[in-house]
N, C-alpha and C. Protein backbone atom coordinates (compact mmCIF):
# COMPACT_ATOMS: atom_id res chain seq x y z
N MET A 1 196.86 202.60 15.23
CA MET A 1 197.03 201.21 15.68
C MET A 1 198.50 200.78 15.55
N GLU A 2 198.98 200.07 16.56
CA GLU A 2 200.37 199.63 16.55
C GLU A 2 200.60 198.61 15.43
N LYS A 3 201.66 198.84 14.66
CA LYS A 3 201.97 197.93 13.56
C LYS A 3 202.69 196.69 14.10
N ARG A 4 202.24 195.53 13.63
CA ARG A 4 202.81 194.28 14.10
C ARG A 4 203.65 193.62 13.02
N SER A 5 204.71 192.96 13.45
CA SER A 5 205.56 192.25 12.51
C SER A 5 204.86 190.96 12.07
N VAL A 6 205.37 190.40 10.99
CA VAL A 6 204.82 189.14 10.48
C VAL A 6 204.97 188.04 11.53
N LYS A 7 206.12 188.03 12.21
CA LYS A 7 206.36 187.01 13.23
C LYS A 7 205.35 187.12 14.37
N GLU A 8 205.06 188.35 14.80
CA GLU A 8 204.08 188.52 15.88
C GLU A 8 202.70 188.05 15.43
N TRP A 9 202.34 188.38 14.19
CA TRP A 9 201.04 187.94 13.69
C TRP A 9 200.95 186.41 13.65
N LEU A 10 202.03 185.76 13.24
CA LEU A 10 202.03 184.30 13.18
C LEU A 10 201.84 183.69 14.57
N ILE A 11 202.51 184.29 15.57
CA ILE A 11 202.36 183.81 16.95
C ILE A 11 200.93 184.01 17.43
N ARG A 12 200.38 185.18 17.15
CA ARG A 12 199.01 185.48 17.59
C ARG A 12 197.99 184.56 16.90
N VAL A 13 198.19 184.31 15.62
CA VAL A 13 197.28 183.41 14.89
C VAL A 13 197.41 181.98 15.42
N ALA A 14 198.66 181.57 15.75
CA ALA A 14 198.88 180.23 16.31
C ALA A 14 198.16 180.10 17.66
N LEU A 15 198.24 181.14 18.49
CA LEU A 15 197.53 181.14 19.77
C LEU A 15 196.02 181.05 19.55
N LEU A 16 195.55 181.82 18.58
CA LEU A 16 194.12 181.79 18.27
C LEU A 16 193.67 180.39 17.85
N MET A 17 194.45 179.73 17.00
CA MET A 17 194.08 178.40 16.54
C MET A 17 194.09 177.39 17.69
N ILE A 18 195.05 177.53 18.61
CA ILE A 18 195.08 176.65 19.79
C ILE A 18 193.82 176.87 20.62
N GLY A 19 193.49 178.16 20.84
CA GLY A 19 192.28 178.48 21.58
C GLY A 19 191.03 177.97 20.89
N LEU A 20 191.02 178.09 19.56
CA LEU A 20 189.87 177.64 18.76
C LEU A 20 189.67 176.13 18.89
N ILE A 21 190.77 175.39 18.87
CA ILE A 21 190.69 173.93 19.02
C ILE A 21 190.17 173.56 20.41
N ILE A 22 190.72 174.23 21.45
CA ILE A 22 190.27 173.96 22.82
C ILE A 22 188.78 174.29 22.96
N ALA A 23 188.39 175.47 22.47
CA ALA A 23 186.99 175.91 22.58
C ALA A 23 186.04 174.94 21.90
N HIS A 24 186.43 174.47 20.72
CA HIS A 24 185.53 173.58 19.97
C HIS A 24 185.55 172.15 20.49
N LEU A 25 186.57 171.79 21.24
CA LEU A 25 186.49 170.54 22.00
C LEU A 25 185.38 170.66 23.03
N GLY A 26 185.33 171.81 23.71
CA GLY A 26 184.25 172.06 24.66
C GLY A 26 182.89 172.07 24.00
N VAL A 27 182.79 172.72 22.84
CA VAL A 27 181.52 172.76 22.11
C VAL A 27 181.08 171.35 21.74
N THR A 28 182.03 170.52 21.32
CA THR A 28 181.70 169.14 20.93
C THR A 28 181.15 168.36 22.11
N LEU A 29 181.80 168.45 23.27
CA LEU A 29 181.29 167.78 24.47
C LEU A 29 179.89 168.28 24.78
N PHE A 30 179.72 169.58 24.68
CA PHE A 30 178.43 170.21 24.95
C PHE A 30 177.35 169.65 24.03
N LEU A 31 177.64 169.56 22.74
CA LEU A 31 176.65 169.12 21.76
C LEU A 31 176.33 167.62 21.85
N LEU A 32 177.37 166.82 22.14
CA LEU A 32 177.17 165.37 22.11
C LEU A 32 176.28 164.85 23.24
N VAL A 33 176.16 165.59 24.35
CA VAL A 33 175.28 165.13 25.43
C VAL A 33 173.82 165.38 25.09
N ASP A 34 173.58 166.16 24.04
CA ASP A 34 172.22 166.34 23.49
C ASP A 34 171.23 166.88 24.53
N LEU A 35 171.62 167.98 25.17
CA LEU A 35 170.74 168.61 26.15
C LEU A 35 170.37 170.04 25.72
N GLY A 36 170.52 170.31 24.45
CA GLY A 36 170.21 171.63 23.91
C GLY A 36 171.43 172.24 23.26
N SER A 37 171.23 173.01 22.20
CA SER A 37 172.35 173.63 21.50
C SER A 37 172.79 174.89 22.23
N ASP A 38 173.92 175.46 21.78
CA ASP A 38 174.41 176.68 22.41
C ASP A 38 173.48 177.85 22.05
N PRO A 39 173.48 178.93 22.85
CA PRO A 39 172.54 180.04 22.64
C PRO A 39 172.55 180.63 21.23
N PHE A 40 173.74 180.81 20.63
CA PHE A 40 173.80 181.40 19.29
C PHE A 40 173.08 180.52 18.28
N ASN A 41 173.20 179.20 18.44
CA ASN A 41 172.54 178.31 17.48
C ASN A 41 171.04 178.21 17.71
N VAL A 42 170.55 178.57 18.89
CA VAL A 42 169.10 178.70 19.08
C VAL A 42 168.58 179.84 18.22
N LEU A 43 169.34 180.94 18.20
CA LEU A 43 168.99 182.07 17.34
C LEU A 43 169.02 181.66 15.88
N ILE A 44 170.09 180.98 15.47
CA ILE A 44 170.21 180.54 14.07
C ILE A 44 169.07 179.59 13.70
N GLN A 45 168.77 178.66 14.61
CA GLN A 45 167.69 177.71 14.36
C GLN A 45 166.35 178.43 14.18
N GLY A 46 166.09 179.43 15.03
CA GLY A 46 164.84 180.18 14.92
C GLY A 46 164.75 180.92 13.60
N ILE A 47 165.83 181.57 13.19
CA ILE A 47 165.85 182.29 11.92
C ILE A 47 165.68 181.32 10.75
N PHE A 48 166.41 180.18 10.84
CA PHE A 48 166.31 179.17 9.79
C PHE A 48 164.86 178.66 9.63
N ARG A 49 164.23 178.34 10.75
CA ARG A 49 162.87 177.81 10.69
C ARG A 49 161.87 178.84 10.16
N ARG A 50 162.08 180.10 10.53
CA ARG A 50 161.18 181.15 10.04
C ARG A 50 161.36 181.36 8.54
N LEU A 51 162.62 181.38 8.07
CA LEU A 51 162.86 181.53 6.64
C LEU A 51 162.41 180.31 5.85
N ASP A 52 162.63 179.13 6.44
CA ASP A 52 162.24 177.89 5.77
C ASP A 52 160.73 177.80 5.61
N ALA A 53 160.00 178.37 6.56
CA ALA A 53 158.54 178.30 6.53
C ALA A 53 157.96 179.10 5.37
N ILE A 54 158.63 180.19 4.98
CA ILE A 54 158.11 181.00 3.87
C ILE A 54 158.65 180.51 2.52
N SER A 55 159.64 179.62 2.56
CA SER A 55 160.13 178.92 1.35
C SER A 55 160.52 179.86 0.21
N LEU A 56 161.17 180.97 0.55
CA LEU A 56 161.59 181.90 -0.50
C LEU A 56 163.03 181.69 -0.93
N ILE A 57 163.80 180.96 -0.10
CA ILE A 57 165.22 180.79 -0.40
C ILE A 57 165.50 179.31 -0.67
N PRO A 58 165.81 178.94 -1.93
CA PRO A 58 166.09 177.53 -2.24
C PRO A 58 167.41 177.06 -1.64
N GLY A 59 167.46 175.79 -1.25
CA GLY A 59 168.70 175.21 -0.74
C GLY A 59 169.10 175.74 0.63
N LEU A 60 168.12 176.23 1.38
CA LEU A 60 168.42 176.80 2.70
C LEU A 60 168.78 175.69 3.68
N THR A 61 169.84 175.89 4.44
CA THR A 61 170.23 174.94 5.49
C THR A 61 170.62 175.73 6.73
N HIS A 62 170.64 175.04 7.86
CA HIS A 62 171.04 175.66 9.12
C HIS A 62 172.47 176.22 9.00
N GLY A 63 173.36 175.43 8.37
CA GLY A 63 174.75 175.85 8.23
C GLY A 63 174.89 177.12 7.40
N ARG A 64 174.12 177.23 6.34
CA ARG A 64 174.20 178.41 5.48
C ARG A 64 173.64 179.64 6.19
N VAL A 65 172.59 179.45 6.98
CA VAL A 65 172.06 180.56 7.77
C VAL A 65 173.08 181.01 8.80
N HIS A 66 173.78 180.02 9.41
CA HIS A 66 174.82 180.31 10.40
C HIS A 66 175.90 181.20 9.79
N ILE A 67 176.36 180.84 8.59
CA ILE A 67 177.40 181.63 7.91
C ILE A 67 176.88 183.02 7.56
N ALA A 68 175.62 183.07 7.07
CA ALA A 68 175.04 184.35 6.67
C ALA A 68 174.90 185.30 7.86
N ILE A 69 174.43 184.80 9.00
CA ILE A 69 174.27 185.64 10.18
C ILE A 69 175.63 186.06 10.73
N SER A 70 176.60 185.14 10.69
CA SER A 70 177.95 185.48 11.13
C SER A 70 178.54 186.60 10.27
N LEU A 71 178.35 186.51 8.97
CA LEU A 71 178.84 187.55 8.06
C LEU A 71 178.12 188.88 8.31
N LEU A 72 176.82 188.80 8.60
CA LEU A 72 176.05 190.00 8.89
C LEU A 72 176.60 190.70 10.15
N ILE A 73 176.91 189.89 11.18
CA ILE A 73 177.50 190.44 12.40
C ILE A 73 178.83 191.13 12.10
N ILE A 74 179.64 190.47 11.27
CA ILE A 74 180.94 191.05 10.91
C ILE A 74 180.76 192.38 10.19
N PHE A 75 179.83 192.45 9.23
CA PHE A 75 179.60 193.69 8.48
C PHE A 75 179.10 194.80 9.40
N VAL A 76 178.22 194.46 10.33
CA VAL A 76 177.71 195.46 11.28
C VAL A 76 178.85 195.99 12.15
N LEU A 77 179.69 195.07 12.65
CA LEU A 77 180.79 195.48 13.51
C LEU A 77 181.88 196.24 12.74
N LEU A 78 182.01 195.95 11.46
CA LEU A 78 182.93 196.74 10.63
C LEU A 78 182.49 198.20 10.60
N ALA A 79 181.17 198.41 10.60
CA ALA A 79 180.64 199.77 10.59
C ALA A 79 180.80 200.42 11.96
N VAL A 80 180.76 199.62 13.02
CA VAL A 80 180.89 200.16 14.38
C VAL A 80 182.34 200.48 14.71
N ASP A 81 183.21 199.48 14.51
CA ASP A 81 184.64 199.66 14.80
C ASP A 81 185.41 198.54 14.11
N ARG A 82 186.02 198.86 13.00
CA ARG A 82 186.66 197.83 12.18
C ARG A 82 187.88 197.20 12.84
N SER A 83 188.40 197.80 13.93
CA SER A 83 189.59 197.26 14.59
C SER A 83 189.32 195.90 15.23
N TYR A 84 188.05 195.57 15.45
CA TYR A 84 187.72 194.29 16.08
C TYR A 84 187.76 193.12 15.08
N ILE A 85 187.66 193.44 13.80
CA ILE A 85 187.60 192.39 12.78
C ILE A 85 189.00 192.13 12.25
N LYS A 86 189.53 190.95 12.53
CA LYS A 86 190.87 190.59 12.10
C LYS A 86 190.83 189.25 11.38
N ILE A 87 191.99 188.80 10.92
CA ILE A 87 192.06 187.54 10.16
C ILE A 87 191.51 186.37 10.97
N GLY A 88 191.69 186.41 12.30
CA GLY A 88 191.21 185.31 13.13
C GLY A 88 189.70 185.16 13.12
N THR A 89 188.98 186.25 12.88
CA THR A 89 187.52 186.17 12.81
C THR A 89 187.10 185.25 11.67
N LEU A 90 187.77 185.40 10.53
CA LEU A 90 187.48 184.54 9.39
C LEU A 90 187.95 183.11 9.64
N LEU A 91 189.09 182.95 10.32
CA LEU A 91 189.58 181.61 10.64
C LEU A 91 188.60 180.87 11.54
N CYS A 92 188.00 181.61 12.49
CA CYS A 92 187.01 180.99 13.37
C CYS A 92 185.82 180.48 12.56
N MET A 93 185.40 181.26 11.58
CA MET A 93 184.27 180.85 10.74
C MET A 93 184.61 179.64 9.88
N ILE A 94 185.83 179.62 9.36
CA ILE A 94 186.23 178.55 8.43
C ILE A 94 186.49 177.23 9.14
N PHE A 95 187.19 177.29 10.28
CA PHE A 95 187.67 176.07 10.91
C PHE A 95 186.80 175.54 12.05
N GLY A 96 185.88 176.35 12.56
CA GLY A 96 185.05 175.91 13.68
C GLY A 96 184.28 174.63 13.41
N GLY A 97 183.56 174.60 12.29
CA GLY A 97 182.76 173.43 11.93
C GLY A 97 183.59 172.16 11.74
N PRO A 98 184.66 172.20 10.93
CA PRO A 98 185.50 171.02 10.75
C PRO A 98 186.13 170.50 12.05
N ILE A 99 186.49 171.41 12.97
CA ILE A 99 187.07 170.98 14.25
C ILE A 99 186.03 170.20 15.05
N ILE A 100 184.79 170.69 15.07
CA ILE A 100 183.71 169.98 15.76
C ILE A 100 183.48 168.62 15.13
N ASP A 101 183.48 168.57 13.79
CA ASP A 101 183.29 167.28 13.09
C ASP A 101 184.39 166.29 13.48
N PHE A 102 185.63 166.77 13.58
CA PHE A 102 186.75 165.92 13.94
C PHE A 102 186.59 165.35 15.34
N PHE A 103 186.31 166.22 16.30
CA PHE A 103 186.15 165.76 17.68
C PHE A 103 184.91 164.87 17.84
N SER A 104 183.86 165.17 17.09
CA SER A 104 182.63 164.37 17.16
C SER A 104 182.90 162.93 16.73
N LEU A 105 183.70 162.79 15.67
CA LEU A 105 184.04 161.46 15.17
C LEU A 105 184.75 160.63 16.23
N ILE A 106 185.60 161.29 17.01
CA ILE A 106 186.37 160.59 18.04
C ILE A 106 185.55 160.34 19.30
N LEU A 107 184.78 161.34 19.73
CA LEU A 107 184.13 161.29 21.04
C LEU A 107 182.72 160.71 21.03
N ASN A 108 182.04 160.77 19.89
CA ASN A 108 180.66 160.29 19.84
C ASN A 108 180.50 158.83 20.25
N PRO A 109 181.40 157.92 19.82
CA PRO A 109 181.25 156.51 20.26
C PRO A 109 181.33 156.34 21.78
N ILE A 110 182.00 157.27 22.46
CA ILE A 110 182.14 157.18 23.91
C ILE A 110 180.98 157.88 24.61
N ILE A 111 180.78 159.16 24.29
CA ILE A 111 179.76 159.95 24.97
C ILE A 111 178.36 159.52 24.55
N GLY A 112 178.23 158.99 23.34
CA GLY A 112 176.93 158.54 22.88
C GLY A 112 176.35 157.41 23.71
N LYS A 113 177.21 156.70 24.44
CA LYS A 113 176.76 155.58 25.27
C LYS A 113 176.31 156.04 26.66
N VAL A 114 176.58 157.30 27.00
CA VAL A 114 176.22 157.82 28.32
C VAL A 114 174.74 158.19 28.33
N THR A 115 173.97 157.55 29.18
CA THR A 115 172.52 157.82 29.23
C THR A 115 172.08 158.47 30.54
N ALA A 116 172.85 158.32 31.60
CA ALA A 116 172.46 158.88 32.90
C ALA A 116 172.50 160.40 32.85
N LEU A 117 171.38 161.04 33.18
CA LEU A 117 171.28 162.49 33.09
C LEU A 117 172.32 163.22 33.95
N PRO A 118 172.57 162.81 35.21
CA PRO A 118 173.57 163.53 36.00
C PRO A 118 174.96 163.52 35.36
N VAL A 119 175.34 162.38 34.75
CA VAL A 119 176.64 162.29 34.09
C VAL A 119 176.69 163.18 32.86
N ARG A 120 175.58 163.21 32.12
CA ARG A 120 175.52 164.06 30.93
C ARG A 120 175.61 165.54 31.29
N ILE A 121 175.00 165.92 32.40
CA ILE A 121 175.08 167.32 32.85
C ILE A 121 176.51 167.65 33.28
N ILE A 122 177.20 166.70 33.93
CA ILE A 122 178.60 166.92 34.31
C ILE A 122 179.46 167.11 33.07
N ILE A 123 179.26 166.25 32.05
CA ILE A 123 180.01 166.37 30.80
C ILE A 123 179.71 167.71 30.13
N LEU A 124 178.43 168.11 30.15
CA LEU A 124 178.03 169.38 29.57
C LEU A 124 178.73 170.55 30.28
N ALA A 125 178.73 170.52 31.61
CA ALA A 125 179.38 171.59 32.38
C ALA A 125 180.88 171.63 32.08
N LEU A 126 181.50 170.43 31.97
CA LEU A 126 182.92 170.36 31.61
C LEU A 126 183.14 170.97 30.24
N GLY A 127 182.25 170.67 29.30
CA GLY A 127 182.34 171.24 27.96
C GLY A 127 182.26 172.76 27.99
N CYS A 128 181.37 173.29 28.84
CA CYS A 128 181.23 174.74 28.95
C CYS A 128 182.50 175.38 29.50
N VAL A 129 183.13 174.72 30.48
CA VAL A 129 184.37 175.24 31.06
C VAL A 129 185.49 175.24 30.03
N ILE A 130 185.62 174.12 29.30
CA ILE A 130 186.65 174.02 28.25
C ILE A 130 186.40 175.07 27.16
N LEU A 131 185.12 175.21 26.77
CA LEU A 131 184.75 176.23 25.78
C LEU A 131 185.15 177.62 26.25
N ALA A 132 184.84 177.94 27.51
CA ALA A 132 185.14 179.27 28.04
C ALA A 132 186.64 179.53 28.06
N PHE A 133 187.42 178.52 28.47
CA PHE A 133 188.87 178.69 28.51
C PHE A 133 189.44 178.92 27.12
N GLY A 134 189.04 178.07 26.17
CA GLY A 134 189.52 178.23 24.79
C GLY A 134 189.13 179.58 24.21
N MET A 135 187.92 180.01 24.53
CA MET A 135 187.42 181.29 24.03
C MET A 135 188.27 182.45 24.53
N THR A 136 188.72 182.38 25.80
CA THR A 136 189.56 183.46 26.34
C THR A 136 190.93 183.50 25.66
N ILE A 137 191.46 182.33 25.29
CA ILE A 137 192.72 182.30 24.54
C ILE A 137 192.53 182.98 23.18
N VAL A 138 191.41 182.66 22.53
CA VAL A 138 191.10 183.28 21.24
C VAL A 138 191.01 184.80 21.39
N ILE A 139 190.28 185.25 22.38
CA ILE A 139 190.08 186.70 22.58
C ILE A 139 191.41 187.39 22.90
N LYS A 140 192.19 186.81 23.81
CA LYS A 140 193.42 187.45 24.25
C LYS A 140 194.57 187.27 23.27
N SER A 141 194.41 186.40 22.29
CA SER A 141 195.42 186.33 21.22
C SER A 141 195.43 187.63 20.42
N ASP A 142 194.30 188.33 20.46
CA ASP A 142 194.13 189.59 19.74
C ASP A 142 194.43 189.44 18.25
N ALA A 143 194.01 188.30 17.71
CA ALA A 143 194.15 188.07 16.27
C ALA A 143 192.78 187.93 15.62
N GLY A 144 191.74 188.19 16.40
CA GLY A 144 190.38 188.05 15.91
C GLY A 144 189.56 187.18 16.85
N THR A 145 188.25 187.26 16.74
CA THR A 145 187.34 186.52 17.62
C THR A 145 186.17 186.01 16.79
N GLY A 146 185.60 184.87 17.21
CA GLY A 146 184.43 184.34 16.53
C GLY A 146 183.32 185.38 16.46
N PRO A 147 182.53 185.42 15.38
CA PRO A 147 181.50 186.45 15.19
C PRO A 147 180.52 186.57 16.36
N ASN A 148 180.05 185.44 16.90
CA ASN A 148 179.09 185.52 18.01
C ASN A 148 179.75 186.02 19.29
N ASP A 149 181.01 185.64 19.53
CA ASP A 149 181.74 186.14 20.70
C ASP A 149 182.00 187.63 20.58
N LEU A 150 182.20 188.09 19.34
CA LEU A 150 182.51 189.50 19.11
C LEU A 150 181.43 190.43 19.63
N VAL A 151 180.18 189.98 19.56
CA VAL A 151 179.08 190.82 20.01
C VAL A 151 179.28 191.21 21.47
N ALA A 152 179.56 190.20 22.32
CA ALA A 152 179.78 190.46 23.75
C ALA A 152 181.07 191.25 23.98
N VAL A 153 182.11 190.94 23.20
CA VAL A 153 183.40 191.64 23.34
C VAL A 153 183.23 193.13 23.05
N VAL A 154 182.61 193.45 21.93
CA VAL A 154 182.45 194.85 21.53
C VAL A 154 181.57 195.61 22.52
N ILE A 155 180.45 195.01 22.91
CA ILE A 155 179.53 195.68 23.83
C ILE A 155 180.22 195.94 25.17
N SER A 156 180.95 194.93 25.67
CA SER A 156 181.62 195.09 26.97
C SER A 156 182.69 196.18 26.90
N ASP A 157 183.40 196.25 25.78
CA ASP A 157 184.43 197.28 25.60
C ASP A 157 183.81 198.68 25.49
N LYS A 158 182.78 198.80 24.67
CA LYS A 158 182.17 200.10 24.43
C LYS A 158 181.46 200.64 25.66
N LEU A 159 180.83 199.76 26.44
CA LEU A 159 180.10 200.20 27.63
C LEU A 159 180.95 200.14 28.89
N LYS A 160 182.20 199.66 28.74
CA LYS A 160 183.11 199.53 29.90
C LYS A 160 182.51 198.64 30.98
N LYS A 161 181.89 197.55 30.54
CA LYS A 161 181.29 196.58 31.47
C LYS A 161 182.05 195.27 31.41
N LYS A 162 181.90 194.46 32.46
CA LYS A 162 182.58 193.17 32.51
C LYS A 162 182.09 192.25 31.39
N PHE A 163 183.06 191.57 30.74
CA PHE A 163 182.71 190.66 29.66
C PHE A 163 181.76 189.57 30.15
N SER A 164 182.00 189.06 31.37
CA SER A 164 181.18 187.96 31.89
C SER A 164 179.71 188.34 31.96
N ILE A 165 179.42 189.58 32.37
CA ILE A 165 178.04 190.04 32.45
C ILE A 165 177.45 190.22 31.06
N MET A 166 178.21 190.84 30.17
CA MET A 166 177.72 191.07 28.81
C MET A 166 177.47 189.75 28.07
N ARG A 167 178.32 188.76 28.35
CA ARG A 167 178.15 187.45 27.70
C ARG A 167 176.83 186.81 28.12
N ILE A 168 176.50 186.89 29.40
CA ILE A 168 175.24 186.33 29.88
C ILE A 168 174.06 187.06 29.22
N ILE A 169 174.14 188.38 29.15
CA ILE A 169 173.05 189.17 28.55
C ILE A 169 172.89 188.84 27.08
N VAL A 170 174.00 188.81 26.34
CA VAL A 170 173.95 188.53 24.90
C VAL A 170 173.43 187.11 24.64
N ASP A 171 173.94 186.12 25.39
CA ASP A 171 173.48 184.75 25.20
C ASP A 171 172.00 184.62 25.53
N SER A 172 171.55 185.30 26.57
CA SER A 172 170.13 185.26 26.94
C SER A 172 169.27 185.86 25.83
N LEU A 173 169.74 186.95 25.23
CA LEU A 173 169.01 187.56 24.11
C LEU A 173 168.96 186.62 22.91
N PHE A 174 170.08 185.94 22.63
CA PHE A 174 170.09 184.95 21.54
C PHE A 174 169.00 183.90 21.76
N VAL A 175 168.92 183.39 22.99
CA VAL A 175 167.94 182.34 23.31
C VAL A 175 166.51 182.87 23.19
N ILE A 176 166.26 184.05 23.75
CA ILE A 176 164.89 184.60 23.74
C ILE A 176 164.43 184.90 22.32
N ILE A 177 165.28 185.58 21.54
CA ILE A 177 164.90 185.92 20.17
C ILE A 177 164.75 184.65 19.33
N GLY A 178 165.70 183.71 19.49
CA GLY A 178 165.61 182.45 18.76
C GLY A 178 164.35 181.69 19.08
N TRP A 179 163.99 181.64 20.37
CA TRP A 179 162.77 180.94 20.80
C TRP A 179 161.52 181.61 20.22
N LEU A 180 161.49 182.94 20.22
CA LEU A 180 160.35 183.66 19.66
C LEU A 180 160.19 183.41 18.17
N LEU A 181 161.31 183.14 17.50
CA LEU A 181 161.27 182.87 16.05
C LEU A 181 160.99 181.40 15.73
N GLY A 182 160.98 180.56 16.77
CA GLY A 182 160.68 179.14 16.54
C GLY A 182 161.80 178.19 16.87
N GLY A 183 162.91 178.69 17.41
CA GLY A 183 164.00 177.82 17.82
C GLY A 183 163.68 177.09 19.12
N THR A 184 164.39 176.03 19.38
CA THR A 184 164.17 175.26 20.60
C THR A 184 165.46 175.21 21.41
N PHE A 185 165.30 175.04 22.71
CA PHE A 185 166.48 174.97 23.58
C PHE A 185 166.20 173.98 24.71
N GLY A 186 167.27 173.60 25.41
CA GLY A 186 167.15 172.66 26.51
C GLY A 186 167.92 173.14 27.72
N ILE A 187 168.01 172.29 28.70
CA ILE A 187 168.71 172.65 29.93
C ILE A 187 170.18 172.99 29.65
N GLY A 188 170.76 172.31 28.66
CA GLY A 188 172.15 172.59 28.30
C GLY A 188 172.34 173.99 27.78
N THR A 189 171.36 174.50 27.04
CA THR A 189 171.42 175.86 26.52
C THR A 189 171.44 176.87 27.68
N LEU A 190 170.59 176.62 28.67
CA LEU A 190 170.50 177.53 29.82
C LEU A 190 171.77 177.47 30.67
N ILE A 191 172.32 176.26 30.83
CA ILE A 191 173.57 176.12 31.59
C ILE A 191 174.69 176.87 30.87
N CYS A 192 174.74 176.71 29.55
CA CYS A 192 175.76 177.40 28.75
C CYS A 192 175.63 178.91 28.88
N ALA A 193 174.40 179.42 28.76
CA ALA A 193 174.17 180.86 28.84
C ALA A 193 174.58 181.43 30.19
N ALA A 194 174.36 180.64 31.25
CA ALA A 194 174.67 181.12 32.61
C ALA A 194 176.12 180.90 33.00
N LEU A 195 176.77 179.87 32.42
CA LEU A 195 178.08 179.43 32.90
C LEU A 195 179.26 179.99 32.11
N VAL A 196 179.13 180.05 30.79
CA VAL A 196 180.29 180.39 29.95
C VAL A 196 180.83 181.78 30.24
N GLY A 197 179.96 182.78 30.39
CA GLY A 197 180.42 184.14 30.64
C GLY A 197 181.24 184.27 31.92
N PRO A 198 180.69 183.84 33.07
CA PRO A 198 181.46 183.93 34.32
C PRO A 198 182.75 183.12 34.31
N VAL A 199 182.73 181.92 33.71
CA VAL A 199 183.95 181.11 33.66
C VAL A 199 184.99 181.79 32.77
N ALA A 200 184.54 182.36 31.65
CA ALA A 200 185.46 183.09 30.78
C ALA A 200 186.06 184.29 31.51
N GLY A 201 185.23 184.98 32.31
CA GLY A 201 185.73 186.10 33.09
C GLY A 201 186.80 185.66 34.08
N PHE A 202 186.62 184.47 34.64
CA PHE A 202 187.60 183.92 35.58
C PHE A 202 188.93 183.61 34.88
N PHE A 203 188.84 183.03 33.66
CA PHE A 203 190.05 182.62 32.94
C PHE A 203 190.74 183.76 32.21
N MET A 204 190.03 184.88 31.98
CA MET A 204 190.56 185.94 31.13
C MET A 204 191.95 186.45 31.57
N PRO A 205 192.17 186.76 32.86
CA PRO A 205 193.51 187.24 33.26
C PRO A 205 194.60 186.20 33.03
N PHE A 206 194.28 184.92 33.29
CA PHE A 206 195.23 183.83 33.09
C PHE A 206 195.59 183.70 31.61
N SER A 207 194.59 183.76 30.74
CA SER A 207 194.82 183.64 29.30
C SER A 207 195.59 184.84 28.76
N GLU A 208 195.33 186.01 29.35
CA GLU A 208 196.06 187.20 28.93
C GLU A 208 197.55 187.06 29.24
N LYS A 209 197.89 186.48 30.39
CA LYS A 209 199.29 186.25 30.75
C LYS A 209 199.94 185.27 29.79
N ILE A 210 199.23 184.18 29.45
CA ILE A 210 199.76 183.18 28.52
C ILE A 210 200.09 183.83 27.18
N CYS A 211 199.13 184.59 26.64
CA CYS A 211 199.31 185.20 25.33
C CYS A 211 200.39 186.28 25.36
N SER A 212 200.45 187.06 26.43
CA SER A 212 201.45 188.11 26.55
C SER A 212 202.86 187.51 26.59
N LYS A 213 203.03 186.42 27.34
CA LYS A 213 204.34 185.78 27.42
C LYS A 213 204.74 185.19 26.09
N ALA A 214 203.77 184.58 25.38
CA ALA A 214 204.08 183.99 24.07
C ALA A 214 204.51 185.04 23.09
N VAL A 215 203.85 186.19 23.10
CA VAL A 215 204.17 187.26 22.15
C VAL A 215 205.49 187.94 22.55
N SER A 216 205.79 188.00 23.85
CA SER A 216 206.98 188.70 24.32
C SER A 216 208.28 188.01 23.96
N VAL A 217 208.22 186.76 23.48
CA VAL A 217 209.44 186.05 23.12
C VAL A 217 210.03 186.56 21.81
N ILE A 218 209.25 187.31 21.04
CA ILE A 218 209.76 187.79 19.75
C ILE A 218 210.64 189.02 19.94
């Protein structure tokens, strides 16, 4: 693996954080319209509800299950190919929730007043586009990727298939497995599963150019 200077790593991590902020702005818009959670959280919700039903783990919360499953994904991928796990993967886990909380505080008073379904779907679709764009910046920063995104990234790389197709397949599996375990989803979940992958595929070359130019200044 090519050795990177400290300066290059700082630039790549800065790009990742910018992408993370953009992506979670999209996630916040997506969540505030209340038309269903994202596919990964349908899986988390299903696992949480199944574990909660047997009452074997005290103090269980959706957030703790989310962290546990994310860590499990990281450990599995470390066994598959450790080159995919970088410092940015942990940054995504640490800062994702607080970024959503920050944007929710600002946007909820505005979006919470929107009741018309067509407008909410437009906001949801906009959130998915923003999420996809931010996600491509995170991926192309090559400083690490969110645990749930990593699944599609690794599979697409190993099978030499388009990321957009793999993202749809992975998100669909998240929804199906989560639903079978007791999770719930809405129209927003289905729109996210169908839209984010193709939009990310569209933005990927553009984001790669942005990140390459930023890194080339060193």
